[in-house]
Amino acid sequence: MASTPEKKVKDRVVKLLKQYGVYYFFPATYGMGRSGVPDIVCCFNGNFFAVECKAGNNKPTALQERELGLIREAKGTALVVNEDNIDHVRILIEEMI
């Protein structure tokens, strides 16, 4: 089965997270979960951040924007990345070192 474009972005983000030893997980949003939570939730050196992965020019949904905003209000970092700006994840992690 071929990977979707968004799955390819997620795989590249996970590769970076593993490279730096970042704790991460993919939250389950079905059943008792919360809709709109970013794709990948992370913690590194005491810093909370979350990554929403998109392919191409796709944008976060209204629910996703709400959750990203709530993370930022709580003083966490929330990123939206695609194939073109995935390097922002590496830059963020290196700022936390």
Protein backbone atom coordinates (compact mmCIF):
# COMPACT_ATOMS: atom_id res chain seq x y z
CA MET A 1 0.00 0.00 0.00
CA ALA A 2 1.39 3.41 -0.98
CA SER A 3 1.87 6.13 1.62
CA THR A 4 -0.33 9.18 1.41
CA PRO A 5 1.41 12.56 1.01
CA GLU A 6 0.47 13.45 4.62
CA LYS A 7 1.85 10.12 5.88
CA LYS A 8 5.15 10.96 4.19
CA VAL A 9 5.28 14.26 6.09
CA LYS A 10 4.51 12.45 9.36
CA ASP A 11 7.26 9.91 8.66
CA ARG A 12 9.79 12.68 8.08
CA VAL A 13 8.77 14.43 11.32
CA VAL A 14 9.07 11.16 13.27
CA LYS A 15 12.53 10.58 11.81
CA LEU A 16 13.61 13.99 13.14
CA LEU A 17 12.03 13.38 16.53
CA LYS A 18 13.83 10.05 16.87
CA GLN A 19 17.12 11.59 15.76
CA TYR A 20 16.98 14.04 18.69
CA GLY A 21 15.49 11.64 21.24
CA VAL A 22 12.21 13.54 21.56
CA TYR A 23 9.35 11.88 23.46
CA TYR A 24 6.32 11.77 21.18
CA PHE A 25 3.05 9.99 20.51
CA PHE A 26 0.16 10.03 18.07
CA PRO A 27 -3.01 10.73 20.11
CA ALA A 28 -6.02 8.54 19.46
CA THR A 29 -9.03 10.78 18.87
CA TYR A 30 -11.76 8.17 18.42
CA GLY A 31 -14.23 7.26 21.15
CA MET A 32 -13.21 9.19 24.26
CA GLY A 33 -10.55 11.24 22.44
CA ARG A 34 -10.68 14.92 21.62
CA SER A 35 -11.26 16.03 18.03
CA GLY A 36 -8.79 18.44 16.45
CA VAL A 37 -5.77 17.43 18.55
CA PRO A 38 -2.55 17.76 16.50
CA ASP A 39 -1.12 14.68 14.80
CA ILE A 40 1.97 14.39 17.00
CA VAL A 41 2.29 15.46 20.65
CA CYS A 42 5.86 15.91 21.93
CA CYS A 43 7.98 16.78 24.94
CA PHE A 44 11.71 17.57 24.86
CA ASN A 45 13.91 19.01 27.59
CA GLY A 46 10.80 20.07 29.53
CA ASN A 47 9.19 21.77 26.54
CA PHE A 48 5.76 20.77 25.25
CA PHE A 49 5.08 21.02 21.55
CA ALA A 50 2.69 19.57 19.03
CA VAL A 51 2.92 19.12 15.28
CA GLU A 52 0.05 19.13 12.82
CA CYS A 53 1.18 17.57 9.53
CA LYS A 54 -0.34 18.61 6.23
CA ALA A 55 0.44 17.78 2.63
CA GLY A 56 0.87 20.44 -0.01
CA ASN A 57 -1.30 23.50 0.51
CA ASN A 58 -3.76 21.79 2.87
CA LYS A 59 -4.66 23.87 5.93
CA PRO A 60 -5.79 22.87 9.44
CA THR A 61 -9.52 22.52 10.02
CA ALA A 62 -11.36 24.88 12.36
CA LEU A 63 -11.19 22.25 15.14
CA GLN A 64 -7.46 21.83 14.58
CA GLU A 65 -6.93 25.60 14.64
CA ARG A 66 -8.82 25.75 17.93
CA GLU A 67 -6.59 23.09 19.50
CA LEU A 68 -3.40 24.68 18.16
CA GLY A 69 -4.54 27.98 19.67
CA LEU A 70 -5.27 26.39 23.04
CA ILE A 71 -1.77 24.89 23.09
CA ARG A 72 -0.25 28.29 22.36
CA GLU A 73 -2.42 29.94 25.05
CA ALA A 74 -1.04 27.38 27.53
CA LYS A 75 2.50 28.50 26.54
CA GLY A 76 3.19 25.38 24.50
CA THR A 77 4.42 25.45 20.92
CA ALA A 78 2.20 24.32 18.06
CA LEU A 79 3.51 23.89 14.53
CA VAL A 80 1.80 23.18 11.23
CA VAL A 81 4.26 21.62 8.80
CA ASN A 82 4.22 20.33 5.26
CA GLU A 83 6.88 19.14 2.81
CA ASP A 84 8.21 22.68 2.36
CA ASN A 85 8.66 23.81 5.98
CA ILE A 86 9.39 20.57 7.84
CA ASP A 87 12.78 22.04 8.78
CA HIS A 88 10.91 24.18 11.35
CA VAL A 89 10.67 21.07 13.53
CA ARG A 90 14.46 20.66 13.53
CA ILE A 91 14.97 24.36 14.25
CA LEU A 92 12.54 24.22 17.18
CA ILE A 93 14.21 21.15 18.67
CA GLU A 94 17.68 22.67 18.34
CA GLU A 95 16.46 25.80 20.17
CA MET A 96 15.45 23.50 23.05
CA ILE A 97 18.89 21.90 23.39
